[in-house]
N, C-alpha and C. Protein backbone atom coordinates (compact mmCIF):
# COMPACT_ATOMS: atom_id res chain seq x y z
N UNK A 1 134.71 63.48 43.13
CA UNK A 1 135.91 64.23 43.77
C UNK A 1 136.07 64.96 42.55
N UNK A 2 136.03 64.55 41.22
CA UNK A 2 136.99 65.28 39.82
C UNK A 2 135.82 66.78 39.83
N UNK A 3 134.88 66.68 40.26
CA UNK A 3 134.26 67.69 39.85
C UNK A 3 134.21 68.81 40.68
N UNK A 4 134.85 69.01 42.25
CA UNK A 4 135.11 69.56 42.63
C UNK A 4 136.10 70.27 42.93
N UNK A 5 136.77 69.67 42.22
CA UNK A 5 138.72 69.98 42.21
C UNK A 5 138.71 71.01 41.08
N UNK A 6 137.61 70.56 40.07
CA UNK A 6 136.97 71.72 38.98
C UNK A 6 136.71 73.29 39.46
N UNK A 7 135.56 72.49 40.07
CA UNK A 7 134.83 73.69 40.74
C UNK A 7 135.80 74.98 41.34
N UNK A 8 136.56 74.16 42.15
CA UNK A 8 137.30 74.90 43.15
C UNK A 8 138.58 75.85 41.87
N UNK A 9 138.56 75.25 41.22
CA UNK A 9 140.21 75.41 40.27
C UNK A 9 139.20 76.89 39.48
N UNK A 10 138.01 76.43 38.89
CA UNK A 10 137.72 77.95 38.01
C UNK A 10 137.15 78.87 39.47
N UNK A 11 136.91 78.81 40.62
CA UNK A 11 136.66 79.61 41.80
C UNK A 11 137.71 80.55 41.66
N UNK A 12 139.15 80.33 41.78
CA UNK A 12 140.05 81.13 41.72
C UNK A 12 140.14 82.52 40.88
N UNK A 13 140.41 82.13 39.39
CA UNK A 13 139.76 83.24 39.02
C UNK A 13 138.83 83.85 38.80
N UNK A 14 137.59 83.63 39.54
CA UNK A 14 135.75 83.51 39.63
C UNK A 14 136.51 85.09 40.97
N UNK A 15 137.52 84.41 41.52
CA UNK A 15 137.71 85.89 42.81
C UNK A 15 137.55 87.01 42.55
N UNK A 16 138.14 87.42 41.09
CA UNK A 16 138.23 88.71 40.78
C UNK A 16 136.55 89.22 40.13
N UNK A 17 136.03 88.79 39.97
CA UNK A 17 134.65 88.92 39.52
C UNK A 17 133.79 89.11 40.69
N UNK A 18 134.19 88.31 41.77
CA UNK A 18 132.69 88.15 42.75
C UNK A 18 133.07 89.23 44.22
N UNK A 19 134.45 89.95 43.35
CA UNK A 19 134.58 90.85 45.29
C UNK A 19 133.91 92.27 45.31
N UNK A 20 133.39 92.36 44.27
CA UNK A 20 132.34 94.05 43.81
C UNK A 20 131.33 93.79 44.36
N UNK A 21 130.24 92.40 44.14
CA UNK A 21 129.01 92.05 45.24
C UNK A 21 129.31 92.36 46.58
N UNK A 22 130.20 91.51 46.61
CA UNK A 22 130.54 91.35 48.16
C UNK A 22 131.10 92.86 49.24
N UNK A 23 131.50 93.66 48.29
CA UNK A 23 132.04 94.90 48.94
C UNK A 23 130.62 95.76 49.54
N UNK A 24 129.60 95.80 47.59
CA UNK A 24 128.57 96.43 48.03
C UNK A 24 127.87 95.92 48.83
N UNK A 25 127.79 94.13 49.21
CA UNK A 25 126.86 93.99 49.99
C UNK A 25 127.27 94.20 51.69
N UNK A 26 128.35 94.38 51.90
CA UNK A 26 129.09 95.18 52.98
C UNK A 26 128.71 96.03 53.04
N UNK A 27 128.95 96.95 52.18
CA UNK A 27 128.41 98.30 52.61
C UNK A 27 127.02 98.63 52.84
N UNK A 28 126.20 97.85 52.19
CA UNK A 28 124.87 97.87 52.46
C UNK A 28 124.14 97.83 53.90
N UNK A 29 124.78 96.83 54.41
CA UNK A 29 124.77 95.79 55.71
C UNK A 29 125.53 96.82 56.65
N UNK A 30 126.31 97.33 56.49
CA UNK A 30 127.11 98.77 57.14
C UNK A 30 126.01 100.12 57.37
N UNK A 31 125.34 100.41 56.50
CA UNK A 31 124.74 101.78 56.54
C UNK A 31 122.93 100.69 57.19
N UNK A 32 122.58 99.83 56.84
CA UNK A 32 121.57 99.48 56.96
C UNK A 32 121.44 99.18 58.72
N UNK A 33 122.69 98.40 59.38
CA UNK A 33 122.60 97.41 60.70
C UNK A 33 123.58 98.15 61.72
N UNK A 34 124.52 99.08 61.16
CA UNK A 34 125.56 99.43 61.73
C UNK A 34 126.44 98.50 62.15
N UNK A 35 126.91 98.34 61.31
CA UNK A 35 127.94 96.90 61.39
C UNK A 35 129.34 97.71 61.47
N UNK A 36 130.03 97.02 62.95
CA UNK A 36 131.80 97.20 62.88
C UNK A 36 132.29 96.82 62.22
N UNK A 37 133.37 97.82 61.64
CA UNK A 37 134.56 97.36 60.82
C UNK A 37 134.95 95.72 60.67
N UNK A 38 134.92 94.55 61.83
CA UNK A 38 135.55 93.41 61.68
C UNK A 38 134.27 92.51 61.11
N UNK A 39 133.07 92.90 61.48
CA UNK A 39 132.02 92.55 60.96
C UNK A 39 131.68 92.62 59.89
N UNK A 40 132.00 93.53 59.02
CA UNK A 40 131.99 93.87 58.03
C UNK A 40 132.78 93.22 57.09
N UNK A 41 134.19 93.00 57.54
CA UNK A 41 134.99 92.12 56.64
C UNK A 41 134.76 90.82 56.65
N UNK A 42 133.85 90.51 57.71
CA UNK A 42 133.85 89.10 57.86
C UNK A 42 132.68 89.08 56.60
N UNK A 43 132.08 89.61 56.52
CA UNK A 43 130.67 89.14 55.23
C UNK A 43 131.16 89.58 54.04
N UNK A 44 131.88 90.62 54.38
CA UNK A 44 132.61 90.74 52.76
C UNK A 44 133.57 89.22 52.47
N UNK A 45 134.09 88.74 53.28
CA UNK A 45 134.61 88.01 52.75
C UNK A 45 133.59 86.46 52.38
N UNK A 46 132.80 86.19 53.52
CA UNK A 46 131.82 85.18 53.30
C UNK A 46 131.16 85.51 51.75
N UNK A 47 130.96 86.59 51.91
CA UNK A 47 129.86 86.73 50.55
C UNK A 47 130.50 86.64 49.49
N UNK A 48 131.91 86.67 49.29
CA UNK A 48 132.57 86.92 48.07
C UNK A 48 132.81 85.30 48.02
N UNK A 49 133.51 84.64 48.62
CA UNK A 49 133.32 82.93 48.47
C UNK A 49 131.98 82.07 48.18
N UNK A 50 130.82 82.32 48.86
CA UNK A 50 129.79 81.71 48.56
C UNK A 50 129.61 82.37 47.11
N UNK A 51 129.69 83.96 46.62
CA UNK A 51 129.16 84.38 45.06
C UNK A 51 130.41 83.16 44.12
N UNK A 52 131.66 83.16 44.35
CA UNK A 52 132.59 82.67 43.90
C UNK A 52 131.99 81.33 43.70
N UNK A 53 131.90 80.37 44.41
CA UNK A 53 131.32 79.21 44.57
C UNK A 53 130.22 78.70 43.92
N UNK A 54 129.34 79.71 43.69
CA UNK A 54 128.01 79.59 43.64
C UNK A 54 128.40 79.61 41.64
N UNK A 55 128.66 80.95 41.50
CA UNK A 55 129.39 80.81 39.77
C UNK A 55 129.96 79.95 39.30
N UNK A 56 131.12 79.35 40.26
CA UNK A 56 131.97 78.14 39.45
C UNK A 56 131.07 77.39 39.01
N UNK A 57 130.08 76.50 40.20
CA UNK A 57 129.61 75.42 40.03
C UNK A 57 128.00 75.52 38.94
N UNK A 58 127.73 77.04 38.89
CA UNK A 58 126.86 77.17 37.48
C UNK A 58 127.27 77.14 36.35
N UNK A 59 128.85 77.20 36.16
CA UNK A 59 129.48 77.23 34.90
C UNK A 59 129.66 75.90 34.89
N UNK A 60 130.24 75.36 35.57
CA UNK A 60 130.67 73.54 35.66
C UNK A 60 129.31 73.21 35.00
N UNK A 61 128.29 72.84 35.77
CA UNK A 61 127.65 72.24 35.72
C UNK A 61 125.74 72.61 34.59
N UNK A 62 126.43 73.35 33.89
CA UNK A 62 125.39 74.22 32.52
C UNK A 62 125.37 73.80 31.42
């Protein structure tokens, strides 16, 4: 439980660094698959959250 709390706390500042890859991935998918705006926003948010949690857990366990 302690590890999860530490990872989530570290994820908050990581959001600043993880928004850019989410935006780029959303733009790529919009061009390739002709996504609508609500779908693009969902992809950006999910990608940002996954990337943030992945980076935070890698930093915690490294």
